[in-house]
């Protein structure tokens, strides 16, 4: 029985490792050029101006020629047709960055991160772009838990769900095997509390990710005045700079009530901010 339990434990650990690798592969697109100035390409056979592969290829070609406005238009055509991918948002972010539109660059990097959160090239470009934000306040004291969860943004919602399922299966496995032998019960007393703690933390992370997924937004205007009320003549409370990440709390006829990381909230014009999720 002891040998059988050891073999079963080994198989379980192998299952968890394989599951983690599978999730990582599913969430990570092709990684090629690490530099800000190079867009990613895909293997394709351009066949016509309306073909999605051709549009993507043409967008990359225009980017390489330094025609960033036209590259943005081509990538935008794909989005209008309902296509989306991590590389498309990544390339679009690079194009906006070259145009000098920091807010829209960061916005599209954020969208790409939702699809490939562990991509090193994307992370590098994203952090560099964020370092250029004027008056960035993401590191000051305030709602610390939001910043902590932001640091552990390495799984998509689907990835976290799979991980939680694997943890739950592991807990069930240890409970069932613990019913049969004394040795298994001893191992269960050690493993089960660890699994419960990890499961609880992961579940809280998933809940937080879902709760903010539709509220995350990026400031796309150069300098947005945040007011106490949704009125043009209302008193300005504070200002938000291009590229800053905020959370949308409420919408009202051309206005958005936003909250920044330190908990300060107020109203800005709808055109000055854009949601990360389309």
Foldseek 3Di string as FASTA:
>chain_A
DVVVVVVVVVVLVVVLVVLLVVQLVQLADDDDDLDLQAADADDDDDDDPPDLNVLQVVLRVCSVVVNLVVSLVSLVVCVVVVDDALSSLQSNLSSCVSVVQLQSSLLSLLLSCLRNVPHPSSVVVNVVSVVPWPPADQPDDAPVVVSVLVVVSHGHLVSLVSSLVSLVVVLVVLVVVLVPDPVSVVVNVVPNVVSVVVNVVSVVSSVVCVVQQFFKKFFRDAKWFFFADPDPPGDGDDIGGRGAIWGFDDDDDQKTWTAHRRGDIGITGPVRMDHSPD
